[in-house]
C-alpha atoms as a PDB file:
ATOM      1  CA  MET A   1       8.303 -17.123  18.429  1.00  0.00           C
ATOM      2  CA  LEU A   2       9.739 -19.160  15.534  1.00  0.00           C
ATOM      3  CA  ILE A   3       6.781 -21.562  15.678  1.00  0.00           C
ATOM      4  CA  TYR A   4       4.408 -18.575  15.696  1.00  0.00           C
ATOM      5  CA  ILE A   5       6.065 -17.055  12.605  1.00  0.00           C
ATOM      6  CA  SER A   6       6.245 -20.425  10.819  1.00  0.00           C
ATOM      7  CA  LYS A   7       2.503 -20.969  11.196  1.00  0.00           C
ATOM      8  CA  ARG A   8       1.780 -17.521   9.780  1.00  0.00           C
ATOM      9  CA  LEU A   9       4.092 -18.179   6.817  1.00  0.00           C
ATOM     10  CA  LEU A  10       2.379 -21.488   6.068  1.00  0.00           C
ATOM     11  CA  LEU A  11      -1.018 -19.767   6.112  1.00  0.00           C
ATOM     12  CA  MET A  12       0.196 -17.410   3.384  1.00  0.00           C
ATOM     13  CA  VAL A  13       0.478 -20.259   0.841  1.00  0.00           C
ATOM     14  CA  PRO A  14      -3.266 -21.098   0.507  1.00  0.00           C
ATOM     15  CA  LEU A  15      -4.093 -17.388   0.693  1.00  0.00           C
ATOM     16  CA  ILE A  16      -1.858 -16.592  -2.286  1.00  0.00           C
ATOM     17  CA  PHE A  17      -3.311 -19.551  -4.192  1.00  0.00           C
ATOM     18  CA  GLY A  18      -6.869 -18.322  -3.560  1.00  0.00           C
ATOM     19  CA  ILE A  19      -5.987 -14.741  -4.504  1.00  0.00           C
ATOM     20  CA  THR A  20      -4.394 -15.802  -7.801  1.00  0.00           C
ATOM     21  CA  LEU A  21      -7.321 -18.083  -8.693  1.00  0.00           C
ATOM     22  CA  ILE A  22      -9.981 -15.433  -8.072  1.00  0.00           C
ATOM     23  CA  THR A  23      -7.952 -12.724  -9.791  1.00  0.00           C
ATOM     24  CA  PHE A  24      -7.284 -14.865 -12.864  1.00  0.00           C
ATOM     25  CA  ILE A  25     -10.980 -15.672 -13.272  1.00  0.00           C
ATOM     26  CA  VAL A  26     -12.098 -12.063 -12.747  1.00  0.00           C
ATOM     27  CA  ILE A  27      -9.735 -10.509 -15.291  1.00  0.00           C
ATOM     28  CA  HIS A  28     -10.798 -13.071 -17.909  1.00  0.00           C
ATOM     29  CA  LEU A  29     -14.475 -12.359 -17.226  1.00  0.00           C
ATOM     30  CA  ALA A  30     -13.978  -8.618 -17.770  1.00  0.00           C
ATOM     31  CA  PRO A  31     -15.352  -7.374 -21.109  1.00  0.00           C
ATOM     32  CA  GLY A  32     -12.783  -6.914 -23.843  1.00  0.00           C
ATOM     33  CA  GLY A  33      -9.498  -8.739 -24.166  1.00  0.00           C
ATOM     34  CA  PRO A  34      -5.953  -8.050 -25.350  1.00  0.00           C
ATOM     35  CA  VAL A  35      -6.781  -9.127 -28.905  1.00  0.00           C
ATOM     36  CA  GLU A  36      -9.811  -6.821 -29.091  1.00  0.00           C
ATOM     37  CA  VAL A  37      -7.846  -3.906 -27.610  1.00  0.00           C
ATOM     38  CA  GLN A  38      -4.961  -4.340 -30.065  1.00  0.00           C
ATOM     39  CA  THR A  39      -7.166  -4.698 -33.146  1.00  0.00           C
ATOM     40  CA  GLU A  40     -10.063  -2.348 -32.441  1.00  0.00           C
ATOM     41  CA  MET A  41      -8.343   0.570 -34.196  1.00  0.00           C
ATOM     42  CA  SER A  42      -7.615  -1.497 -37.312  1.00  0.00           C
ATOM     43  CA  LEU A  43     -10.757  -2.190 -39.317  1.00  0.00           C
ATOM     44  CA  LYS A  44      -8.829  -4.315 -41.824  1.00  0.00           C
ATOM     45  CA  THR A  45      -7.777  -6.927 -39.259  1.00  0.00           C
ATOM     46  CA  SER A  46      -9.168 -10.266 -40.388  1.00  0.00           C
ATOM     47  CA  ALA A  47     -10.775 -12.901 -38.206  1.00  0.00           C
ATOM     48  CA  GLN A  48      -7.837 -15.213 -38.952  1.00  0.00           C
ATOM     49  CA  ALA A  49      -5.405 -12.589 -37.668  1.00  0.00           C
ATOM     50  CA  ARG A  50      -7.382 -12.345 -34.442  1.00  0.00           C
ATOM     51  CA  GLU A  51      -7.334 -16.114 -34.041  1.00  0.00           C
ATOM     52  CA  ASN A  52      -3.579 -16.121 -34.621  1.00  0.00           C
ATOM     53  CA  LEU A  53      -3.141 -13.539 -31.867  1.00  0.00           C
ATOM     54  CA  LYS A  54      -5.267 -15.595 -29.493  1.00  0.00           C
ATOM     55  CA  ARG A  55      -3.195 -18.664 -30.278  1.00  0.00           C
ATOM     56  CA  LEU A  56       0.021 -16.685 -29.790  1.00  0.00           C
ATOM     57  CA  TYR A  57      -1.099 -15.474 -26.357  1.00  0.00           C
ATOM     58  CA  GLY A  58      -2.559 -18.861 -25.391  1.00  0.00           C
ATOM     59  CA  LEU A  59      -6.061 -17.411 -25.094  1.00  0.00           C
ATOM     60  CA  ASP A  60      -7.579 -20.102 -27.316  1.00  0.00           C
ATOM     61  CA  LYS A  61      -7.381 -22.604 -24.450  1.00  0.00           C
ATOM     62  CA  PRO A  62      -9.978 -23.017 -21.676  1.00  0.00           C
ATOM     63  CA  VAL A  63      -9.555 -20.700 -18.700  1.00  0.00           C
ATOM     64  CA  HIS A  64      -8.675 -23.491 -16.277  1.00  0.00           C
ATOM     65  CA  ILE A  65      -5.901 -24.720 -18.603  1.00  0.00           C
ATOM     66  CA  GLN A  66      -4.562 -21.182 -18.902  1.00  0.00           C
ATOM     67  CA  TYR A  67      -4.545 -20.867 -15.119  1.00  0.00           C
ATOM     68  CA  LEU A  68      -2.708 -24.160 -14.612  1.00  0.00           C
ATOM     69  CA  GLU A  69      -0.069 -23.119 -17.137  1.00  0.00           C
ATOM     70  CA  TRP A  70       0.284 -19.754 -15.425  1.00  0.00           C
ATOM     71  CA  LEU A  71       0.526 -21.478 -12.032  1.00  0.00           C
ATOM     72  CA  LYS A  72       3.386 -23.674 -13.276  1.00  0.00           C
ATOM     73  CA  ARG A  73       5.293 -20.587 -14.419  1.00  0.00           C
ATOM     74  CA  PHE A  74       4.502 -18.791 -11.167  1.00  0.00           C
ATOM     75  CA  ALA A  75       5.931 -21.717  -9.183  1.00  0.00           C
ATOM     76  CA  MET A  76       9.229 -20.938 -10.961  1.00  0.00           C
ATOM     77  CA  LEU A  77       8.806 -17.182 -10.273  1.00  0.00           C
ATOM     78  CA  ASP A  78       8.086 -16.548 -13.938  1.00  0.00           C
ATOM     79  CA  PHE A  79       5.080 -14.356 -14.785  1.00  0.00           C
ATOM     80  CA  GLY A  80       5.490 -14.791 -18.535  1.00  0.00           C
ATOM     81  CA  LYS A  81       5.882 -12.084 -21.157  1.00  0.00           C
ATOM     82  CA  SER A  82       3.874  -8.911 -21.580  1.00  0.00           C
ATOM     83  CA  PHE A  83       1.294  -8.826 -24.371  1.00  0.00           C
ATOM     84  CA  VAL A  84       2.158  -5.168 -25.035  1.00  0.00           C
ATOM     85  CA  ASP A  85       5.924  -5.104 -25.602  1.00  0.00           C
ATOM     86  CA  GLY A  86       7.004  -8.730 -25.242  1.00  0.00           C
ATOM     87  CA  ARG A  87       9.231  -8.014 -22.252  1.00  0.00           C
ATOM     88  CA  ARG A  88       9.408 -10.363 -19.293  1.00  0.00           C
ATOM     89  CA  VAL A  89       6.851  -9.274 -16.692  1.00  0.00           C
ATOM     90  CA  THR A  90       9.341  -9.973 -13.909  1.00  0.00           C
ATOM     91  CA  ASP A  91      11.773  -7.426 -15.372  1.00  0.00           C
ATOM     92  CA  LYS A  92       9.050  -4.790 -15.699  1.00  0.00           C
ATOM     93  CA  ILE A  93       7.936  -5.320 -12.099  1.00  0.00           C
ATOM     94  CA  LEU A  94      11.488  -5.264 -10.697  1.00  0.00           C
ATOM     95  CA  GLU A  95      11.938  -1.842 -12.299  1.00  0.00           C
ATOM     96  CA  ARG A  96       8.826  -0.490 -10.558  1.00  0.00           C
ATOM     97  CA  VAL A  97       8.748  -2.223  -7.156  1.00  0.00           C
ATOM     98  CA  PRO A  98      11.539  -0.144  -5.507  1.00  0.00           C
ATOM     99  CA  ILE A  99       9.776   3.138  -6.299  1.00  0.00           C
ATOM    100  CA  THR A 100       6.439   1.923  -4.912  1.00  0.00           C
ATOM    101  CA  LEU A 101       8.108   0.466  -1.812  1.00  0.00           C
ATOM    102  CA  ILE A 102       9.963   3.709  -1.129  1.00  0.00           C
ATOM    103  CA  ILE A 103       6.747   5.751  -1.352  1.00  0.00           C
ATOM    104  CA  ASN A 104       4.757   3.325   0.804  1.00  0.00           C
ATOM    105  CA  VAL A 105       7.466   2.956   3.461  1.00  0.00           C
ATOM    106  CA  LEU A 106       7.916   6.738   3.685  1.00  0.00           C
ATOM    107  CA  SER A 107       4.139   7.181   3.900  1.00  0.00           C
ATOM    108  CA  LEU A 108       3.894   4.626   6.691  1.00  0.00           C
ATOM    109  CA  LEU A 109       6.758   6.242   8.596  1.00  0.00           C
ATOM    110  CA  LEU A 110       5.118   9.647   8.219  1.00  0.00           C
ATOM    111  CA  ILE A 111       1.852   8.215   9.533  1.00  0.00           C
ATOM    112  CA  LEU A 112       3.613   6.710  12.554  1.00  0.00           C
ATOM    113  CA  LEU A 113       5.641   9.836  13.330  1.00  0.00           C
ATOM    114  CA  ILE A 114       2.648  12.187  13.184  1.00  0.00           C
ATOM    115  CA  ALA A 115      -0.515  10.187  13.889  1.00  0.00           C
ATOM    116  CA  ILE A 116       0.517   8.334  17.061  1.00  0.00           C
ATOM    117  CA  PRO A 117       1.885  11.376  18.958  1.00  0.00           C
ATOM    118  CA  LEU A 118      -1.136  13.346  17.749  1.00  0.00           C
ATOM    119  CA  GLY A 119      -3.507  10.730  19.141  1.00  0.00           C
ATOM    120  CA  VAL A 120      -1.649  10.386  22.447  1.00  0.00           C
ATOM    121  CA  ILE A 121      -1.596  14.151  23.049  1.00  0.00           C
ATOM    122  CA  SER A 122      -5.281  14.440  22.121  1.00  0.00           C
ATOM    123  CA  ALA A 123      -6.172  11.690  24.593  1.00  0.00           C
ATOM    124  CA  THR A 124      -4.139  13.128  27.456  1.00  0.00           C
ATOM    125  CA  ARG A 125      -5.599  16.596  26.793  1.00  0.00           C
ATOM    126  CA  GLN A 126      -9.168  15.604  26.100  1.00  0.00           C
ATOM    127  CA  TYR A 127     -11.535  18.492  25.142  1.00  0.00           C
ATOM    128  CA  SER A 128      -8.632  20.949  24.987  1.00  0.00           C
ATOM    129  CA  VAL A 129      -8.116  23.332  22.065  1.00  0.00           C
ATOM    130  CA  PHE A 130      -5.509  20.943  20.633  1.00  0.00           C
ATOM    131  CA  ASP A 131      -7.979  18.056  20.830  1.00  0.00           C
ATOM    132  CA  LYS A 132     -10.714  20.046  19.084  1.00  0.00           C
ATOM    133  CA  VAL A 133      -8.367  21.195  16.311  1.00  0.00           C
ATOM    134  CA  SER A 134      -7.126  17.641  15.741  1.00  0.00           C
ATOM    135  CA  THR A 135     -10.733  16.424  15.602  1.00  0.00           C
ATOM    136  CA  VAL A 136     -11.455  18.896  12.813  1.00  0.00           C
ATOM    137  CA  PHE A 137      -8.317  17.693  11.025  1.00  0.00           C
ATOM    138  CA  VAL A 138      -9.555  14.105  11.282  1.00  0.00           C
ATOM    139  CA  PHE A 139     -12.928  14.945   9.747  1.00  0.00           C
ATOM    140  CA  VAL A 140     -11.214  16.804   6.911  1.00  0.00           C
ATOM    141  CA  GLY A 141      -8.834  13.891   6.346  1.00  0.00           C
ATOM    142  CA  TYR A 142     -11.644  11.353   6.199  1.00  0.00           C
ATOM    143  CA  SER A 143     -13.821  13.396   3.853  1.00  0.00           C
ATOM    144  CA  THR A 144     -11.159  14.577   1.385  1.00  0.00           C
ATOM    145  CA  PRO A 145     -10.862  12.410  -1.776  1.00  0.00           C
ATOM    146  CA  THR A 146      -7.251  11.490  -2.529  1.00  0.00           C
ATOM    147  CA  PHE A 147      -7.384  12.396  -6.211  1.00  0.00           C
ATOM    148  CA  TRP A 148      -8.926  15.811  -5.475  1.00  0.00           C
ATOM    149  CA  LEU A 149      -6.309  16.582  -2.828  1.00  0.00           C
ATOM    150  CA  ALA A 150      -3.522  15.533  -5.203  1.00  0.00           C
ATOM    151  CA  LEU A 151      -4.799  17.810  -7.967  1.00  0.00           C
ATOM    152  CA  LEU A 152      -5.256  20.697  -5.538  1.00  0.00           C
ATOM    153  CA  LEU A 153      -1.702  20.371  -4.175  1.00  0.00           C
ATOM    154  CA  MET A 154      -0.291  20.084  -7.696  1.00  0.00           C
ATOM    155  CA  LEU A 155      -2.074  23.286  -8.659  1.00  0.00           C
ATOM    156  CA  LEU A 156      -0.957  25.120  -5.513  1.00  0.00           C
ATOM    157  CA  PHE A 157       2.670  24.033  -5.111  1.00  0.00           C
ATOM    158  CA  GLY A 158       3.500  23.284  -8.726  1.00  0.00           C
ATOM    159  CA  VAL A 159       1.552  25.795 -10.811  1.00  0.00           C
ATOM    160  CA  TYR A 160       0.866  28.820  -8.611  1.00  0.00           C
ATOM    161  CA  TRP A 161       3.925  28.771  -6.348  1.00  0.00           C
ATOM    162  CA  GLY A 162       6.243  26.679  -8.506  1.00  0.00           C
ATOM    163  CA  VAL A 163       8.194  25.329  -5.530  1.00  0.00           C
ATOM    164  CA  LEU A 164       7.661  21.576  -6.079  1.00  0.00           C
ATOM    165  CA  PRO A 165       7.669  19.319  -9.155  1.00  0.00           C
ATOM    166  CA  ILE A 166       4.284  17.843  -9.976  1.00  0.00           C
ATOM    167  CA  SER A 167       5.191  14.778 -12.031  1.00  0.00           C
ATOM    168  CA  GLY A 168       7.780  12.058 -12.275  1.00  0.00           C
ATOM    169  CA  PHE A 169      10.224  10.561  -9.814  1.00  0.00           C
ATOM    170  CA  GLU A 170      13.260  12.592 -10.845  1.00  0.00           C
ATOM    171  CA  SER A 171      14.210  15.553 -13.030  1.00  0.00           C
ATOM    172  CA  ILE A 172      15.222  15.206 -16.666  1.00  0.00           C
ATOM    173  CA  ASP A 173      18.775  16.440 -15.987  1.00  0.00           C
ATOM    174  CA  VAL A 174      19.328  14.123 -12.989  1.00  0.00           C
ATOM    175  CA  SER A 175      22.247  12.404 -14.739  1.00  0.00           C
ATOM    176  CA  GLY A 176      24.314  15.576 -14.448  1.00  0.00           C
ATOM    177  CA  MET A 177      23.777  15.937 -10.685  1.00  0.00           C
ATOM    178  CA  ASN A 178      26.058  14.745  -7.928  1.00  0.00           C
ATOM    179  CA  ARG A 179      24.844  12.333  -5.244  1.00  0.00           C
ATOM    180  CA  LEU A 180      23.610  15.020  -2.846  1.00  0.00           C
ATOM    181  CA  GLU A 181      21.822  16.980  -5.562  1.00  0.00           C
ATOM    182  CA  ARG A 182      20.194  13.787  -6.849  1.00  0.00           C
ATOM    183  CA  LEU A 183      19.021  12.890  -3.351  1.00  0.00           C
ATOM    184  CA  MET A 184      17.534  16.349  -2.872  1.00  0.00           C
ATOM    185  CA  ASP A 185      15.858  16.117  -6.285  1.00  0.00           C
ATOM    186  CA  TRP A 186      14.262  12.786  -5.351  1.00  0.00           C
ATOM    187  CA  GLY A 187      13.124  14.281  -2.051  1.00  0.00           C
ATOM    188  CA  ARG A 188      11.420  17.206  -3.779  1.00  0.00           C
ATOM    189  CA  HIS A 189       9.633  14.848  -6.163  1.00  0.00           C
ATOM    190  CA  LEU A 190       8.463  12.633  -3.289  1.00  0.00           C
ATOM    191  CA  ILE A 191       7.022  15.347  -1.037  1.00  0.00           C
ATOM    192  CA  LEU A 192       3.625  15.573  -2.733  1.00  0.00           C
ATOM    193  CA  PRO A 193       3.051  11.835  -3.444  1.00  0.00           C
ATOM    194  CA  VAL A 194       4.115  10.784   0.058  1.00  0.00           C
ATOM    195  CA  GLY A 195       2.080  13.565   1.662  1.00  0.00           C
ATOM    196  CA  VAL A 196      -1.052  12.673  -0.311  1.00  0.00           C
ATOM    197  CA  SER A 197      -0.597   8.971   0.412  1.00  0.00           C
ATOM    198  CA  ALA A 198      -0.185   9.558   4.158  1.00  0.00           C
ATOM    199  CA  PHE A 199      -2.848  12.234   4.649  1.00  0.00           C
ATOM    200  CA  GLY A 200      -5.831   9.957   5.145  1.00  0.00           C
ATOM    201  CA  GLY A 201      -3.802   7.499   7.212  1.00  0.00           C
ATOM    202  CA  ILE A 202      -2.652  10.212   9.596  1.00  0.00           C
ATOM    203  CA  ALA A 203      -6.252  11.239  10.220  1.00  0.00           C
ATOM    204  CA  GLY A 204      -7.456   7.693  10.805  1.00  0.00           C
ATOM    205  CA  ILE A 205      -4.578   6.365  12.934  1.00  0.00           C
ATOM    206  CA  SER A 206      -4.538   9.458  15.145  1.00  0.00           C
ATOM    207  CA  ARG A 207      -8.241   8.983  15.906  1.00  0.00           C
ATOM    208  CA  TYR A 208      -7.807   5.279  16.668  1.00  0.00           C
ATOM    209  CA  THR A 209      -4.830   6.087  18.897  1.00  0.00           C
ATOM    210  CA  ARG A 210      -6.871   8.665  20.785  1.00  0.00           C
ATOM    211  CA  SER A 211      -9.782   6.264  21.315  1.00  0.00           C
ATOM    212  CA  SER A 212      -7.527   3.441  22.451  1.00  0.00           C
ATOM    213  CA  MET A 213      -5.597   5.688  24.842  1.00  0.00           C
ATOM    214  CA  LEU A 214      -8.793   7.095  26.371  1.00  0.00           C
ATOM    215  CA  GLU A 215     -10.033   3.573  27.044  1.00  0.00           C
ATOM    216  CA  VAL A 216      -6.759   2.488  28.673  1.00  0.00           C
ATOM    217  CA  ILE A 217      -6.335   5.642  30.768  1.00  0.00           C
ATOM    218  CA  LYS A 218      -9.613   4.889  32.557  1.00  0.00           C
ATOM    219  CA  GLN A 219      -8.432   1.444  33.721  1.00  0.00           C
ATOM    220  CA  ASP A 220      -7.746   0.681  37.389  1.00  0.00           C
ATOM    221  CA  TYR A 221      -4.075  -0.119  36.929  1.00  0.00           C
ATOM    222  CA  ILE A 222      -3.473   3.387  35.554  1.00  0.00           C
ATOM    223  CA  ARG A 223      -5.053   4.860  38.676  1.00  0.00           C
ATOM    224  CA  THR A 224      -2.848   2.559  40.751  1.00  0.00           C
ATOM    225  CA  ALA A 225       0.277   3.680  38.913  1.00  0.00           C
ATOM    226  CA  ARG A 226      -0.602   7.308  39.542  1.00  0.00           C
ATOM    227  CA  ALA A 227      -1.382   6.557  43.192  1.00  0.00           C
ATOM    228  CA  LYS A 228       2.127   5.145  43.579  1.00  0.00           C
ATOM    229  CA  GLY A 229       3.499   8.555  42.681  1.00  0.00           C
ATOM    230  CA  LEU A 230       4.955   7.647  39.284  1.00  0.00           C
ATOM    231  CA  PRO A 231       5.649  10.567  36.942  1.00  0.00           C
ATOM    232  CA  GLU A 232       2.815  11.244  34.522  1.00  0.00           C
ATOM    233  CA  SER A 233       5.103  10.686  31.516  1.00  0.00           C
ATOM    234  CA  GLU A 234       5.999   7.203  32.800  1.00  0.00           C
ATOM    235  CA  VAL A 235       2.359   6.378  33.478  1.00  0.00           C
ATOM    236  CA  ILE A 236       1.364   7.388  29.953  1.00  0.00           C
ATOM    237  CA  MET A 237       4.236   5.926  27.949  1.00  0.00           C
ATOM    238  CA  ARG A 238       5.134   2.829  29.961  1.00  0.00           C
ATOM    239  CA  HIS A 239       1.766   1.664  31.248  1.00  0.00           C
ATOM    240  CA  ALA A 240      -0.961   3.246  29.101  1.00  0.00           C
ATOM    241  CA  PHE A 241       0.614   3.496  25.666  1.00  0.00           C
ATOM    242  CA  ARG A 242       1.930  -0.070  25.478  1.00  0.00           C
ATOM    243  CA  ASN A 243      -1.468  -1.502  26.371  1.00  0.00           C
ATOM    244  CA  ALA A 244      -3.127   0.810  23.858  1.00  0.00           C
ATOM    245  CA  LEU A 245      -0.913  -0.415  21.018  1.00  0.00           C
ATOM    246  CA  MET A 246      -2.868  -3.568  20.175  1.00  0.00           C
ATOM    247  CA  PRO A 247      -5.769  -1.926  18.284  1.00  0.00           C
ATOM    248  CA  ILE A 248      -3.329   0.554  16.733  1.00  0.00           C
ATOM    249  CA  VAL A 249      -1.190  -2.253  15.331  1.00  0.00           C
ATOM    250  CA  THR A 250      -4.359  -3.879  13.974  1.00  0.00           C
ATOM    251  CA  ILE A 251      -5.342  -0.735  12.090  1.00  0.00           C
ATOM    252  CA  LEU A 252      -1.788  -0.246  10.801  1.00  0.00           C
ATOM    253  CA  GLY A 253      -1.797  -3.784   9.448  1.00  0.00           C
ATOM    254  CA  LEU A 254      -5.109  -3.161   7.719  1.00  0.00           C
ATOM    255  CA  SER A 255      -3.892   0.174   6.302  1.00  0.00           C
ATOM    256  CA  ILE A 256      -1.033  -1.419   4.336  1.00  0.00           C
ATOM    257  CA  PRO A 257      -3.326  -2.757   1.575  1.00  0.00           C
ATOM    258  CA  GLY A 258      -4.862   0.715   1.345  1.00  0.00           C
ATOM    259  CA  LEU A 259      -1.437   2.288   0.827  1.00  0.00           C
ATOM    260  CA  ILE A 260      -0.540  -0.180  -1.909  1.00  0.00           C
ATOM    261  CA  GLY A 261      -3.952   0.093  -3.566  1.00  0.00           C
ATOM    262  CA  GLY A 262      -3.929   3.882  -3.312  1.00  0.00           C
ATOM    263  CA  GLY A 263      -0.701   3.903  -5.297  1.00  0.00           C
ATOM    264  CA  VAL A 264      -2.720   3.255  -8.444  1.00  0.00           C
ATOM    265  CA  ILE A 265      -4.392   6.652  -8.011  1.00  0.00           C
ATOM    266  CA  PHE A 266      -1.581   8.970  -7.011  1.00  0.00           C
ATOM    267  CA  GLU A 267       1.126   7.274  -9.107  1.00  0.00           C
ATOM    268  CA  THR A 268      -1.068   7.809 -12.152  1.00  0.00           C
ATOM    269  CA  ILE A 269      -1.844  11.410 -11.189  1.00  0.00           C
ATOM    270  CA  PHE A 270       1.799  12.280 -10.438  1.00  0.00           C
ATOM    271  CA  ALA A 271       3.118  10.209 -13.401  1.00  0.00           C
ATOM    272  CA  ILE A 272       5.374   8.185 -11.104  1.00  0.00           C
ATOM    273  CA  PRO A 273       6.743   5.027 -12.770  1.00  0.00           C
ATOM    274  CA  GLY A 274       5.706   2.685  -9.979  1.00  0.00           C
ATOM    275  CA  MET A 275       3.578  -0.414  -9.606  1.00  0.00           C
ATOM    276  CA  GLY A 276       0.358   1.606  -9.537  1.00  0.00           C
ATOM    277  CA  GLN A 277       0.992   3.254 -12.893  1.00  0.00           C
ATOM    278  CA  LEU A 278       2.080  -0.077 -14.381  1.00  0.00           C
ATOM    279  CA  PHE A 279      -1.104  -1.707 -13.135  1.00  0.00           C
ATOM    280  CA  TYR A 280      -3.285   1.060 -14.573  1.00  0.00           C
ATOM    281  CA  SER A 281      -1.664   0.971 -18.033  1.00  0.00           C
ATOM    282  CA  SER A 282      -1.737  -2.846 -18.062  1.00  0.00           C
ATOM    283  CA  THR A 283      -5.421  -2.876 -17.163  1.00  0.00           C
ATOM    284  CA  MET A 284      -6.287  -0.441 -19.932  1.00  0.00           C
ATOM    285  CA  SER A 285      -4.404  -2.574 -22.488  1.00  0.00           C
ATOM    286  CA  ARG A 286      -5.710  -5.896 -21.027  1.00  0.00           C
ATOM    287  CA  ASP A 287      -2.150  -7.114 -20.523  1.00  0.00           C
ATOM    288  CA  TYR A 288      -3.106 -10.213 -18.518  1.00  0.00           C
ATOM    289  CA  PRO A 289       0.407 -11.427 -17.558  1.00  0.00           C
ATOM    290  CA  THR A 290       1.419  -8.014 -16.244  1.00  0.00           C
ATOM    291  CA  ILE A 291      -1.874  -7.553 -14.390  1.00  0.00           C
ATOM    292  CA  MET A 292      -1.427 -10.916 -12.680  1.00  0.00           C
ATOM    293  CA  GLY A 293       2.185 -10.155 -11.820  1.00  0.00           C
ATOM    294  CA  VAL A 294       1.381  -6.779 -10.273  1.00  0.00           C
ATOM    295  CA  LEU A 295      -1.580  -8.136  -8.305  1.00  0.00           C
ATOM    296  CA  VAL A 296       0.423 -11.093  -6.973  1.00  0.00           C
ATOM    297  CA  ILE A 297       3.290  -8.842  -5.855  1.00  0.00           C
ATOM    298  CA  GLY A 298       0.778  -6.485  -4.236  1.00  0.00           C
ATOM    299  CA  ALA A 299      -0.879  -9.424  -2.477  1.00  0.00           C
ATOM    300  CA  VAL A 300       2.480 -10.720  -1.230  1.00  0.00           C
ATOM    301  CA  LEU A 301       3.442  -7.286   0.100  1.00  0.00           C
ATOM    302  CA  THR A 302       0.055  -7.038   1.819  1.00  0.00           C
ATOM    303  CA  LEU A 303       0.447 -10.470   3.433  1.00  0.00           C
ATOM    304  CA  ILE A 304       3.951  -9.555   4.564  1.00  0.00           C
ATOM    305  CA  GLY A 305       2.540  -6.404   6.131  1.00  0.00           C
ATOM    306  CA  ASN A 306      -0.058  -8.456   7.964  1.00  0.00           C
ATOM    307  CA  LEU A 307       2.677 -10.858   9.081  1.00  0.00           C
ATOM    308  CA  VAL A 308       4.632  -7.930  10.507  1.00  0.00           C
ATOM    309  CA  ALA A 309       1.471  -6.881  12.346  1.00  0.00           C
ATOM    310  CA  ASP A 310       1.069 -10.412  13.752  1.00  0.00           C
ATOM    311  CA  ILE A 311       4.683 -10.437  14.916  1.00  0.00           C
ATOM    312  CA  SER A 312       4.136  -7.042  16.510  1.00  0.00           C
ATOM    313  CA  TYR A 313       1.158  -8.487  18.410  1.00  0.00           C
ATOM    314  CA  ALA A 314       3.372 -11.219  19.825  1.00  0.00           C
ATOM    315  CA  LEU A 315       6.069  -8.729  20.822  1.00  0.00           C
ATOM    316  CA  ILE A 316       3.604  -6.366  22.477  1.00  0.00           C
ATOM    317  CA  ASP A 317       1.490  -9.010  24.209  1.00  0.00           C
ATOM    318  CA  PRO A 318       3.377 -12.194  25.242  1.00  0.00           C
ATOM    319  CA  ARG A 319       0.037 -13.867  26.007  1.00  0.00           C
ATOM    320  CA  ILE A 320      -0.456 -14.360  22.267  1.00  0.00           C
ATOM    321  CA  ARG A 321       2.731 -16.442  22.045  1.00  0.00           C
ATOM    322  CA  VAL A 322       1.732 -18.521  25.056  1.00  0.00           C
ATOM    323  CA  ARG A 323      -1.768 -19.102  23.655  1.00  0.00           C
ATOM    324  CA  ASP A 324      -0.281 -20.016  20.279  1.00  0.00           C
ATOM    325  CA  LYS A 325       1.975 -22.657  21.843  1.00  0.00           C
ATOM    326  CA  GLY A 326      -0.948 -24.150  23.653  1.00  0.00           C
END
């Protein structure tokens, strides 16, 4: 298992290098730059002042030189300083990462707790009323845009009913609350963002779970297990479900980038000070160091999620470990 994990970790190094190279080139090819953004509202800014800003930010050098200098800093875990406020990008990211991680982890847990049982029950009760209702739910989940759902829920729960906060991560008066009250306040603020983030995932994973379970249930070894007189619950959970997990784990691994990327939408809508909101504001201001820092952290989290999926494969199916050793 250690050899298996080590190989996956080594593969992450060239992947991160490729991601940073492509990202660096793309953001520099985008129209408009930090100098143009900062001076477009000032008609009196001279050409010399613009050149001084470019020299200050290091943008007067060729792109490949800029990338090599950035790569040297990145090797020391230094993303440089923000063009907007001069703060270290690392400090700005460290302030935002915990919030984004909390939302994404809670969303993933919600998906697992709801989608997998939903798919298993739908498969074991194929064409029942429950299965038909869940199918409708899946179609709704696939076809509903995240931003529209977020706005609708904000209007319903925050404006009309007034039972949930619709922006921020905590209340203004949180400093005067005790630990329990603060925890409850955070929970109320997280209900809508986590629910919106998990909604599409619940629909998709439940459908994949149902399809995978239906395929496994029809196998000969399931008929053999039933013929032996094993309880139906043991046949489903011990024999069918474990063998149906492989495609489910694959989809879960692929859904992690979607959760992180989707944070840009709902964190901006709900005004949550996370990585998504930081990325959006940095993109609008062409803050290259912050954009690179956020994208690299997002890429690392995505690769870690895929690594967890690979490890889960090896735990579920020992044949993968044996094949890897060979």
